[in-house]
Protein backbone atom coordinates (compact mmCIF):
# COMPACT_ATOMS: atom_id res chain seq x y z
CA MET A 1 40.71 41.98 51.55
CA LYS A 2 44.21 42.19 52.97
CA ARG A 3 42.71 42.53 56.44
CA TYR A 4 40.80 39.21 56.02
CA PRO A 5 43.16 36.70 54.36
CA TRP A 6 41.30 33.84 56.05
CA VAL A 7 38.15 34.80 54.08
CA VAL A 8 40.02 34.47 50.79
CA PHE A 9 41.44 31.11 51.90
CA ILE A 10 37.99 29.72 52.77
CA LEU A 11 36.48 30.87 49.46
CA VAL A 12 39.32 29.34 47.43
CA ALA A 13 39.11 26.09 49.38
CA ALA A 14 35.35 25.90 48.82
CA LEU A 15 35.80 26.41 45.09
CA VAL A 16 38.43 23.67 44.95
CA VAL A 17 36.13 21.21 46.77
CA TRP A 18 33.18 22.11 44.51
CA ALA A 19 35.29 21.65 41.36
CA ALA A 20 36.60 18.31 42.61
CA ALA A 21 33.14 16.88 43.32
CA PRO A 22 32.00 14.28 40.79
CA ALA A 23 30.27 16.05 37.94
CA ALA A 24 27.75 13.26 37.70
CA ALA A 25 26.63 13.83 41.28
CA GLN A 26 25.72 17.38 40.30
CA GLN A 27 23.99 16.45 37.04
CA TYR A 28 22.18 13.17 37.70
CA LYS A 29 18.55 13.14 38.70
CA PRO A 30 17.66 11.68 42.09
CA GLU A 31 15.79 8.70 40.58
CA PHE A 32 16.26 6.57 37.47
CA LYS A 33 13.08 4.72 36.49
CA ASN A 34 13.25 1.05 35.47
CA SER A 35 10.16 -0.44 33.82
CA LEU A 36 9.05 -4.07 34.12
CA VAL A 37 5.87 -5.89 33.12
CA VAL A 38 6.28 -8.44 35.93
CA GLY A 39 6.35 -8.16 39.70
CA PRO A 40 9.38 -8.64 41.98
CA ALA A 41 9.00 -12.44 42.24
CA GLY A 42 10.89 -14.81 39.94
CA PRO A 43 14.24 -14.40 38.15
CA TRP A 44 13.05 -11.46 36.02
CA GLY A 45 11.89 -9.30 38.92
CA GLU A 46 14.71 -10.42 41.22
CA ALA A 47 17.26 -9.39 38.58
CA ALA A 48 15.83 -5.87 38.52
CA ILE A 49 16.27 -5.62 42.29
CA LYS A 50 19.83 -6.94 42.08
CA PHE A 51 20.68 -4.52 39.25
CA ALA A 52 19.38 -1.51 41.20
CA ASP A 53 21.24 -2.52 44.36
CA LEU A 54 24.55 -3.13 42.60
CA LEU A 55 24.40 0.09 40.59
CA LYS A 56 23.73 2.16 43.67
CA GLU A 57 26.64 0.52 45.45
CA ARG A 58 29.09 0.69 42.55
CA THR A 59 28.36 4.35 41.72
CA GLN A 60 28.32 5.45 45.37
CA GLY A 61 24.67 6.41 45.03
CA ARG A 62 25.01 8.46 41.85
CA ILE A 63 22.70 6.12 39.93
CA ASN A 64 19.70 5.40 42.09
CA VAL A 65 17.35 3.07 40.20
CA LYS A 66 13.74 2.66 41.25
CA ASN A 67 11.96 -0.37 39.82
CA TYR A 68 8.42 0.18 38.58
CA PHE A 69 6.97 -3.32 38.63
CA ALA A 70 3.81 -4.72 37.06
CA GLY A 71 3.55 -2.15 34.30
CA GLN A 72 3.21 0.93 36.49
CA LEU A 73 4.90 3.19 33.93
CA PHE A 74 2.97 2.09 30.85
CA ALA A 75 -0.50 2.11 32.42
CA GLY A 76 -1.26 -1.51 31.66
CA LYS A 77 -0.38 -1.52 27.94
CA GLN A 78 2.81 -3.53 27.92
CA THR A 79 3.55 -3.03 24.21
CA ASN A 80 4.09 0.69 24.96
CA GLU A 81 7.19 0.02 27.06
CA PHE A 82 9.75 0.45 24.27
CA THR A 83 8.24 3.82 23.31
CA LEU A 84 8.55 5.06 26.89
CA LEU A 85 12.19 4.00 26.87
CA ASN A 86 12.83 5.69 23.53
CA GLN A 87 11.27 8.91 24.82
CA GLY A 88 13.19 8.84 28.10
CA VAL A 89 10.05 8.52 30.22
CA ALA A 90 11.69 5.31 31.46
CA ASP A 91 15.45 5.42 31.98
CA PHE A 92 15.85 1.66 31.98
CA ALA A 93 13.63 -1.26 31.06
CA LEU A 94 14.01 -4.95 31.64
CA GLY A 95 11.66 -5.91 28.87
CA SER A 96 10.48 -8.85 26.81
CA THR A 97 11.31 -9.03 23.13
CA ILE A 98 7.62 -9.84 22.63
CA ASN A 99 6.49 -6.55 24.12
CA TRP A 100 9.07 -4.59 22.14
CA SER A 101 8.34 -6.30 18.81
CA PRO A 102 5.64 -3.80 17.70
CA GLN A 103 8.40 -1.16 17.52
CA VAL A 104 11.23 -3.50 16.48
CA LYS A 105 9.55 -6.12 14.29
CA GLU A 106 12.78 -8.07 13.85
CA LEU A 107 12.49 -9.18 17.49
CA ASN A 108 9.74 -11.54 16.31
CA LEU A 109 12.67 -13.76 15.33
CA PHE A 110 12.26 -15.43 18.73
CA ALA A 111 8.52 -15.98 18.31
CA MET A 112 8.81 -17.90 15.04
CA PRO A 113 6.79 -21.04 15.83
CA PHE A 114 8.87 -24.09 16.74
CA MET A 115 12.15 -22.57 15.51
CA TYR A 116 14.38 -23.07 18.58
CA PRO A 117 14.91 -26.66 19.78
CA SER A 118 17.23 -25.87 22.69
CA TYR A 119 18.86 -23.27 24.92
CA LYS A 120 22.10 -24.00 23.10
CA ALA A 121 20.57 -22.92 19.80
CA LEU A 122 19.13 -19.76 21.34
CA ASP A 123 22.44 -18.77 22.95
CA ALA A 124 24.27 -19.29 19.67
CA VAL A 125 21.83 -17.05 17.78
CA GLN A 126 22.11 -14.29 20.39
CA ALA A 127 25.91 -14.47 20.45
CA GLY A 128 26.17 -14.60 16.66
CA GLU A 129 25.45 -12.15 13.89
CA PRO A 130 21.63 -12.23 14.34
CA GLY A 131 21.96 -11.13 17.97
CA LYS A 132 24.41 -8.38 17.06
CA LYS A 133 22.14 -7.21 14.25
CA LEU A 134 19.16 -7.01 16.61
CA PHE A 135 21.10 -4.95 19.16
CA LYS A 136 22.17 -2.57 16.38
CA LEU A 137 18.55 -2.16 15.21
CA ILE A 138 17.41 -1.41 18.76
CA GLU A 139 20.16 1.18 19.20
CA GLU A 140 19.14 2.87 15.95
CA LYS A 141 15.71 3.44 17.53
CA GLY A 142 17.08 5.40 20.48
CA VAL A 143 17.51 2.59 23.00
CA ILE A 144 20.85 1.13 24.11
CA PRO A 145 20.62 -2.64 24.74
CA LEU A 146 22.96 -3.74 27.51
CA ALA A 147 22.53 -7.49 27.90
CA TRP A 148 20.35 -10.49 27.05
CA GLY A 149 18.29 -12.15 29.74
CA GLU A 150 15.46 -14.61 29.57
CA ASN A 151 11.84 -15.22 30.37
CA GLY A 152 12.03 -18.71 28.88
CA PHE A 153 10.47 -21.21 26.53
CA ARG A 154 6.73 -20.65 26.41
CA GLN A 155 4.46 -23.57 27.33
CA VAL A 156 0.68 -23.73 27.04
CA THR A 157 -1.66 -24.30 29.98
CA ASN A 158 -5.43 -24.53 30.22
CA SER A 159 -8.28 -25.48 32.52
CA LYS A 160 -10.22 -27.71 30.11
CA ARG A 161 -8.23 -30.67 28.79
CA PRO A 162 -4.78 -32.06 27.95
CA ILE A 163 -3.34 -30.70 24.70
CA LYS A 164 -1.67 -33.51 22.77
CA SER A 165 -2.53 -32.53 19.19
CA PRO A 166 -3.65 -29.39 17.35
CA ALA A 167 -7.23 -30.68 17.52
CA ASP A 168 -7.13 -30.33 21.32
CA LEU A 169 -6.70 -26.56 20.97
CA GLU A 170 -9.83 -26.22 18.87
CA GLY A 171 -12.08 -23.51 20.31
CA LEU A 172 -10.07 -22.88 23.47
CA LYS A 173 -9.82 -19.24 24.58
CA ILE A 174 -6.10 -18.69 25.08
CA ARG A 175 -4.75 -15.45 26.48
CA VAL A 176 -1.86 -14.06 24.43
CA VAL A 177 0.08 -10.79 24.47
CA GLY A 178 -0.77 -8.17 21.87
CA SER A 179 1.74 -9.34 19.31
CA PRO A 180 0.31 -10.35 15.91
CA ILE A 181 2.55 -13.39 15.46
CA PHE A 182 1.07 -15.02 18.57
CA ILE A 183 -2.46 -14.34 17.39
CA ASP A 184 -1.59 -15.81 13.99
CA THR A 185 -0.06 -18.90 15.58
CA PHE A 186 -2.98 -19.76 17.83
CA ARG A 187 -5.55 -19.09 15.14
CA ALA A 188 -3.68 -21.46 12.84
CA LEU A 189 -3.96 -24.10 15.55
CA GLY A 190 -7.72 -23.62 15.87
CA ALA A 191 -7.71 -21.77 19.19
CA ASN A 192 -9.39 -18.46 19.96
CA PRO A 193 -6.52 -16.13 21.00
CA VAL A 194 -7.58 -13.39 23.40
CA ASN A 195 -5.32 -10.34 23.70
CA MET A 196 -5.30 -8.97 27.24
CA ASN A 197 -2.79 -7.70 29.75
CA TRP A 198 -1.49 -10.03 32.42
CA GLY A 199 -3.35 -8.52 35.38
CA GLU A 200 -6.68 -8.83 33.59
CA ALA A 201 -5.82 -12.37 32.50
CA GLN A 202 -5.39 -13.64 36.04
CA THR A 203 -8.89 -12.44 36.92
CA ALA A 204 -10.25 -14.04 33.73
CA PHE A 205 -8.65 -17.38 34.66
CA GLN A 206 -10.26 -17.28 38.09
CA GLN A 207 -13.66 -16.44 36.63
CA GLY A 208 -13.34 -19.05 33.89
CA THR A 209 -13.93 -16.58 31.07
CA VAL A 210 -10.54 -17.46 29.53
CA ASP A 211 -9.47 -21.11 29.28
CA GLY A 212 -5.71 -20.91 29.08
CA GLN A 213 -2.48 -19.04 28.42
CA GLU A 214 1.11 -19.52 27.25
CA ASN A 215 4.12 -18.54 29.34
CA PRO A 216 7.43 -19.89 30.68
CA VAL A 217 7.47 -22.25 33.67
CA VAL A 218 10.01 -20.70 36.04
CA SER A 219 9.41 -17.02 35.33
CA VAL A 220 5.60 -16.98 35.23
CA ILE A 221 3.71 -20.26 35.71
CA THR A 222 5.44 -21.11 39.00
CA PRO A 223 5.62 -17.69 40.75
CA PHE A 224 2.00 -16.93 39.78
CA LYS A 225 0.88 -20.41 40.90
CA LEU A 226 -1.14 -20.93 37.76
CA TRP A 227 -1.96 -24.45 38.92
CA THR A 228 -4.72 -22.87 40.99
CA THR A 229 -6.66 -22.15 37.77
CA GLN A 230 -4.84 -24.14 35.05
CA LYS A 231 -4.67 -27.89 35.63
CA HIS A 232 -3.17 -28.89 32.26
CA ILE A 233 0.22 -27.96 30.82
CA THR A 234 1.78 -29.06 27.54
CA LEU A 235 5.54 -28.77 27.13
CA TRP A 236 5.90 -27.86 23.47
CA TYR A 237 8.67 -25.21 23.47
CA TYR A 238 6.95 -23.45 20.58
CA ALA A 239 8.58 -20.05 21.17
CA ILE A 240 11.30 -18.56 23.32
CA ASP A 241 11.02 -15.24 25.14
CA PRO A 242 14.33 -13.43 25.69
CA VAL A 243 14.34 -10.29 27.80
CA ILE A 244 16.70 -7.39 27.30
CA LEU A 245 18.04 -4.98 29.88
CA ALA A 246 18.32 -1.64 28.11
CA ILE A 247 18.75 2.05 28.80
CA SER A 248 17.25 5.05 27.04
CA LYS A 249 19.80 6.76 24.80
CA ILE A 250 18.72 10.04 26.40
CA THR A 251 19.78 8.69 29.79
CA TRP A 252 22.89 6.99 28.41
CA ASP A 253 24.16 10.21 26.85
CA ALA A 254 23.80 11.98 30.20
CA LEU A 255 26.12 9.53 31.97
CA THR A 256 29.87 9.92 32.27
CA PRO A 257 32.00 7.41 30.33
CA ALA A 258 33.07 5.83 33.61
CA ASP A 259 29.49 5.36 34.75
CA ARG A 260 28.47 3.97 31.37
CA GLU A 261 31.10 1.27 31.81
CA ILE A 262 29.78 0.48 35.29
CA VAL A 263 26.23 0.26 33.98
CA ARG A 264 27.17 -2.04 31.10
CA LYS A 265 29.32 -4.41 33.14
CA THR A 266 26.72 -4.60 35.91
CA ALA A 267 23.99 -5.32 33.37
CA GLU A 268 25.98 -8.14 31.79
CA GLU A 269 26.73 -9.68 35.18
CA VAL A 270 23.15 -9.46 36.44
CA MET A 271 21.56 -10.76 33.26
CA ALA A 272 23.86 -13.78 33.14
CA TRP A 273 22.64 -14.49 36.67
CA GLU A 274 19.03 -13.91 35.61
CA LYS A 275 19.28 -16.23 32.61
CA LYS A 276 20.65 -19.00 34.81
CA GLY A 277 17.73 -18.50 37.19
CA ALA A 278 15.17 -18.64 34.37
CA ARG A 279 16.52 -22.06 33.39
CA ALA A 280 16.76 -23.47 36.91
CA GLY A 281 15.18 -26.89 37.16
CA LEU A 282 14.70 -27.05 33.38
CA GLU A 283 18.13 -27.21 31.76
CA ASP A 284 20.11 -29.51 34.02
CA SER A 285 17.29 -31.19 35.91
CA ASN A 286 13.54 -31.77 35.83
CA GLU A 287 12.89 -30.16 39.21
CA ALA A 288 10.70 -27.33 37.92
CA ILE A 289 8.42 -29.75 36.05
CA GLU A 290 8.22 -32.10 39.03
CA ASN A 291 7.12 -29.12 41.11
CA LEU A 292 4.20 -28.52 38.75
CA LYS A 293 3.13 -32.15 39.17
CA LYS A 294 3.35 -31.89 42.95
CA ASN A 295 0.97 -28.95 42.75
CA GLY A 296 -1.59 -30.95 40.81
CA MET A 297 -0.82 -30.10 37.19
CA GLU A 298 -1.13 -32.79 34.52
CA VAL A 299 2.00 -32.51 32.37
CA VAL A 300 2.00 -33.52 28.69
CA THR A 301 5.40 -33.84 27.02
CA LEU A 302 5.22 -33.99 23.24
CA SER A 303 7.34 -36.34 21.15
CA ALA A 304 9.14 -35.23 17.98
CA LYS A 305 6.33 -36.77 15.94
CA ASP A 306 3.70 -34.94 17.99
CA LEU A 307 5.54 -31.65 17.43
CA ASP A 308 5.63 -32.25 13.70
CA ALA A 309 1.83 -32.02 13.63
CA PHE A 310 1.92 -28.62 15.37
CA ARG A 311 4.75 -27.46 13.13
CA ALA A 312 2.82 -28.41 10.00
CA LYS A 313 -0.25 -26.51 11.20
CA THR A 314 1.77 -23.34 11.78
CA ARG A 315 4.00 -23.50 8.69
CA ALA A 316 2.04 -20.81 6.89
CA VAL A 317 2.51 -18.52 9.91
CA TYR A 318 6.25 -19.20 9.88
CA ASP A 319 6.51 -18.41 6.18
CA LYS A 320 4.50 -15.19 6.57
CA TRP A 321 6.73 -13.95 9.37
CA VAL A 322 9.95 -14.73 7.53
CA THR A 323 8.99 -11.79 5.34
CA GLU A 324 8.05 -9.60 8.31
CA VAL A 325 11.21 -10.32 10.30
CA GLY A 326 13.52 -10.27 7.29
CA PRO A 327 14.60 -13.25 5.16
CA ASP A 328 18.32 -12.65 5.66
CA LEU A 329 17.99 -12.43 9.44
CA VAL A 330 15.84 -15.57 9.63
CA LYS A 331 18.14 -17.48 7.30
CA ALA A 332 21.18 -16.57 9.41
CA ALA A 333 19.42 -17.75 12.56
CA GLU A 334 18.20 -20.96 10.89
CA LYS A 335 21.75 -21.76 9.84
CA ILE A 336 23.02 -21.36 13.40
CA VAL A 337 20.15 -23.43 14.82
CA ALA A 338 20.82 -26.25 12.35
CA ALA A 339 24.48 -26.31 13.41
CA THR A 340 23.73 -26.48 17.13
CA LYS A 341 20.97 -29.11 17.34
């Protein structure tokens, strides 16, 4: 070796460079999967794109997120998404609390009929002890919640007639997600709730085999142009649909502490942006509703007295789900809502 000192120098230098390379770059997989039930349009899908782009930039390519839109990872059954995240099949998910509620029943807190009168009340519940409790429960099930986002207040549309009272829902086939509280709510109102995935529902609307559906204005009704099949919309704000950006604990544990911090801060930043987008034209203006009218929808806005009739019809559902969600959790949320009306 004395005759070839330059060989020793090169070997040592190579070892130094190898040791100095970021450990994460050696350990991380080439692709991190992010699951979504929606497509790339609208605040929900756009936030996923923004999150992936920012993470790639801020980690110098170490965390390369690929978005799997429209339920590609869970083969059409959207209530399976949380399980895929828990198992590490999905690394990330930007998912609805509705779709995750079969595995975390306490998330039905946001589907309690006619519980949340405003965005202010919702934000206060999420920022308070109920929100913290829910994040803790999710983490205990092998998923790390990073930040709250929003799909929005859910409004009801249909192709048959204006809905101004519970009697107007009688016999209507309304598409709902596969969450029991939604089925209970619409049955209590006299409708015929039909559980089907979103892709199938759009075909059913076009064929006229399903009369209506319930979804938020900005995140779903507008980007999917539901006015082409649903001419009537009733603004009743009967349930709110938060979304959560989360990461599988399996994936989280594989990240360096520095990268975990980048992921968390990026998630909080992006989801604040997403929540603002989900409320655009609804919170500070009426632009989103005016857009529905311009596209031919007949808009019904219910008065407080009108809402009381719907609330009375669904009271038994509310009481049943207090037990399911947890009396202490519901009571804590009710207290916050009452203080922020």
